[in-house]
Amino acid sequence: MFKNISDFFLRIADWKTFGAALCVYMVFGGYIMPHGLATLQQMNGKKTEVLDLQFSYTPEKAHAILSEYTDQSRDYAARFELIADGLYPISYTFLFLIMMAWLFRSLSAYGVNARYLHMLPFVVMTADYSENTGIITMLSSYPNFSDTVVRISSVFTSIKWTLLAVEGIIILTGLGMIIYYRVSGRKTA
């Protein structure tokens, strides 16, 4: 099944699919997510931090951040986390899957074999959903959430951000390799 999913993304990765994925991502990243944060800050009457955008956090930091929220804004944040931030990982996962599949399919013509590397975004999405589950638990049970929930959620937050950086490095390296191969006139394998 894993191979079938991998092959599916390798097959559909092209300009059209990339363009569609980029448009969907831009709606989320450029409008929905910033609008959600702005609404949360407006409800709190001040600039408000969110746990999703931290690299990591301790139980003390999570309590400090969530103590700045009103009861109404905590309810809003939990619903936003469940709905909008439930769909957002799908949008960026699809975008990164398409970019990486397209990139590595192109590199395979030069003999570069990165077999399943383009599937890495699924790991990021899993970490993001695990993080979201912890954050929703904290928001819903504030102030009575356990330190264990915070620590586990923070680990998934750190995994998410680390792997997103790794994806970025992989994509930039792959693009650099394609440019090098094309400029140097290297023949395809």
Protein backbone atom coordinates (compact mmCIF):
# COMPACT_ATOMS: atom_id res chain seq x y z
CA MET A 1 0.00 0.00 0.00
CA PHE A 2 2.85 2.40 0.86
CA LYS A 3 4.37 1.83 -2.59
CA ASN A 4 0.99 2.46 -4.24
CA ILE A 5 0.60 5.78 -2.41
CA SER A 6 4.17 6.74 -3.28
CA ASP A 7 3.65 5.82 -6.94
CA PHE A 8 0.38 7.80 -7.02
CA PHE A 9 2.14 11.01 -5.94
CA LEU A 10 5.01 10.39 -8.34
CA ARG A 11 2.47 9.95 -11.15
CA ILE A 12 0.40 13.10 -10.45
CA ALA A 13 3.31 15.44 -9.66
CA ASP A 14 3.41 18.09 -12.40
CA TRP A 15 2.94 21.84 -12.95
CA LYS A 16 -0.86 21.67 -12.80
CA THR A 17 -0.98 19.67 -9.58
CA PHE A 18 1.72 21.87 -8.06
CA GLY A 19 -0.22 25.00 -9.02
CA ALA A 20 -3.45 23.68 -7.52
CA ALA A 21 -1.67 22.59 -4.33
CA LEU A 22 0.06 25.96 -4.05
CA CYS A 23 -3.25 27.82 -4.44
CA VAL A 24 -4.92 25.77 -1.71
CA TYR A 25 -1.91 26.22 0.56
CA MET A 26 -1.90 29.98 -0.05
CA VAL A 27 -5.56 30.21 1.00
CA PHE A 28 -4.69 28.52 4.29
CA GLY A 29 -1.26 30.05 4.88
CA GLY A 30 -2.10 33.48 3.54
CA TYR A 31 -5.63 33.97 4.80
CA ILE A 32 -7.27 31.36 7.04
CA MET A 33 -4.46 30.80 9.54
CA PRO A 34 -3.46 34.50 9.89
CA HIS A 35 -7.14 35.45 10.16
CA GLY A 36 -7.60 32.87 12.92
CA LEU A 37 -4.66 34.30 14.86
CA ALA A 38 -5.92 37.86 14.37
CA THR A 39 -9.37 36.85 15.63
CA LEU A 40 -7.83 35.16 18.67
CA GLN A 41 -5.76 38.25 19.44
CA GLN A 42 -8.78 40.48 19.01
CA MET A 43 -10.78 38.30 21.40
CA ASN A 44 -7.96 38.54 23.95
CA GLY A 45 -7.54 42.27 23.41
CA LYS A 46 -3.79 41.93 22.89
CA LYS A 47 -1.06 40.16 20.98
CA THR A 48 -1.36 36.50 21.90
CA GLU A 49 1.10 33.66 21.48
CA VAL A 50 -0.08 30.27 20.26
CA LEU A 51 1.47 26.94 21.13
CA ASP A 52 1.52 25.75 17.50
CA LEU A 53 4.03 28.45 16.58
CA GLN A 54 6.48 27.70 19.39
CA PHE A 55 9.41 25.36 18.74
CA SER A 56 8.85 23.78 22.13
CA TYR A 57 7.27 24.66 25.46
CA THR A 58 7.33 23.60 29.07
CA PRO A 59 4.25 23.07 31.24
CA GLU A 60 4.95 26.48 32.79
CA LYS A 61 5.15 28.19 29.41
CA ALA A 62 1.97 26.46 28.19
CA HIS A 63 0.12 27.62 31.31
CA ALA A 64 1.50 31.14 30.90
CA ILE A 65 0.45 31.33 27.24
CA LEU A 66 -3.03 29.91 27.83
CA SER A 67 -3.59 32.09 30.89
CA GLU A 68 -3.56 35.06 28.51
CA TYR A 69 -6.64 33.66 26.76
CA THR A 70 -10.19 34.39 27.83
CA ASP A 71 -12.62 31.50 28.32
CA GLN A 72 -14.27 32.52 25.04
CA SER A 73 -10.96 32.69 23.16
CA ARG A 74 -9.89 29.27 24.50
CA ASP A 75 -13.14 27.81 23.13
CA TYR A 76 -12.53 29.58 19.82
CA ALA A 77 -8.92 28.38 19.69
CA ALA A 78 -9.97 24.77 20.35
CA ARG A 79 -12.57 24.91 17.55
CA PHE A 80 -10.10 26.61 15.20
CA GLU A 81 -7.46 24.01 16.06
CA LEU A 82 -9.93 21.22 15.33
CA ILE A 83 -11.38 22.60 12.09
CA ALA A 84 -8.97 24.97 10.30
CA ASP A 85 -5.80 23.47 11.75
CA GLY A 86 -7.27 20.07 11.01
CA LEU A 87 -7.33 20.92 7.30
CA TYR A 88 -4.15 23.02 7.13
CA PRO A 89 -1.78 20.03 7.52
CA ILE A 90 -3.51 18.35 4.58
CA SER A 91 -2.87 21.43 2.42
CA TYR A 92 0.83 21.76 3.21
CA THR A 93 1.38 17.99 3.18
CA PHE A 94 -0.09 17.74 -0.31
CA LEU A 95 2.00 20.71 -1.48
CA PHE A 96 5.25 19.27 -0.11
CA LEU A 97 4.42 15.77 -1.40
CA ILE A 98 3.88 17.13 -4.89
CA MET A 99 7.00 19.30 -4.81
CA MET A 100 9.21 16.49 -3.53
CA ALA A 101 7.73 13.81 -5.79
CA TRP A 102 8.13 16.04 -8.83
CA LEU A 103 11.64 16.98 -7.81
CA PHE A 104 12.81 13.42 -7.18
CA ARG A 105 11.12 12.08 -10.27
CA SER A 106 13.08 14.71 -12.23
CA LEU A 107 16.30 13.82 -10.43
CA SER A 108 15.82 10.12 -11.16
CA ALA A 109 16.53 10.94 -14.81
CA TYR A 110 20.08 11.83 -13.65
CA GLY A 111 20.48 8.62 -11.70
CA VAL A 112 19.55 10.07 -8.31
CA ASN A 113 17.47 7.55 -6.37
CA ALA A 114 15.60 9.01 -3.40
CA ARG A 115 13.08 6.17 -3.41
CA TYR A 116 10.51 7.23 -0.79
CA LEU A 117 11.94 10.51 0.48
CA HIS A 118 9.01 12.40 -1.02
CA MET A 119 6.77 10.65 1.54
CA LEU A 120 8.38 12.53 4.46
CA PRO A 121 5.51 15.09 4.58
CA PHE A 122 3.23 12.34 5.91
CA VAL A 123 5.45 12.09 8.98
CA VAL A 124 5.20 15.87 9.48
CA MET A 125 1.42 15.71 9.14
CA THR A 126 1.24 12.94 11.74
CA ALA A 127 3.35 14.99 14.14
CA ASP A 128 1.13 18.05 13.51
CA TYR A 129 -2.06 16.10 14.21
CA SER A 130 -0.53 14.65 17.37
CA GLU A 131 0.48 18.16 18.46
CA ASN A 132 -3.03 19.48 17.69
CA THR A 133 -4.60 16.72 19.79
CA GLY A 134 -2.48 17.77 22.76
CA ILE A 135 -3.22 21.46 22.27
CA ILE A 136 -6.96 20.83 22.01
CA THR A 137 -6.74 18.79 25.21
CA MET A 138 -4.96 21.67 26.96
CA LEU A 139 -7.42 24.27 25.69
CA SER A 140 -10.44 22.15 26.64
CA SER A 141 -9.23 21.27 30.13
CA TYR A 142 -7.49 24.53 31.06
CA PRO A 143 -6.17 25.03 33.74
CA ASN A 144 -6.34 21.37 34.76
CA PHE A 145 -4.26 19.70 32.06
CA SER A 146 -1.39 17.42 32.97
CA ASP A 147 2.28 18.18 32.52
CA THR A 148 2.54 14.92 30.58
CA VAL A 149 0.11 16.19 27.93
CA VAL A 150 2.18 19.36 27.58
CA ARG A 151 5.48 17.50 27.31
CA ILE A 152 4.16 15.03 24.73
CA SER A 153 2.54 17.81 22.72
CA SER A 154 5.76 19.84 22.85
CA VAL A 155 7.76 16.87 21.54
CA PHE A 156 5.41 16.62 18.56
CA THR A 157 5.65 20.38 18.02
CA SER A 158 9.45 20.15 17.92
CA ILE A 159 9.32 17.14 15.58
CA LYS A 160 6.96 19.05 13.27
CA TRP A 161 9.19 22.14 13.03
CA THR A 162 12.41 20.13 12.72
CA LEU A 163 11.03 17.98 9.91
CA LEU A 164 9.58 21.01 8.11
CA ALA A 165 13.10 22.50 8.14
CA VAL A 166 14.51 19.19 6.87
CA GLU A 167 11.93 19.19 4.06
CA GLY A 168 12.97 22.71 3.11
CA ILE A 169 16.63 21.71 3.03
CA ILE A 170 15.84 18.63 0.94
CA ILE A 171 13.82 20.67 -1.55
CA LEU A 172 16.50 23.36 -1.87
CA THR A 173 19.22 20.72 -2.24
CA GLY A 174 17.18 18.91 -4.89
CA LEU A 175 16.56 22.14 -6.79
CA GLY A 176 20.27 22.92 -6.61
CA MET A 177 21.08 19.48 -7.98
CA ILE A 178 18.66 19.88 -10.90
CA ILE A 179 20.10 23.30 -11.73
CA TYR A 180 23.64 21.91 -11.53
CA TYR A 181 22.83 18.92 -13.77
CA ARG A 182 21.07 21.07 -16.35
CA VAL A 183 23.67 23.84 -16.41
CA SER A 184 26.59 21.40 -16.52
CA GLY A 185 24.95 19.57 -19.41
CA ARG A 186 25.11 16.24 -17.62
CA LYS A 187 23.31 13.60 -19.58
CA THR A 188 20.38 11.78 -18.09
CA ALA A 189 20.93 8.24 -16.86
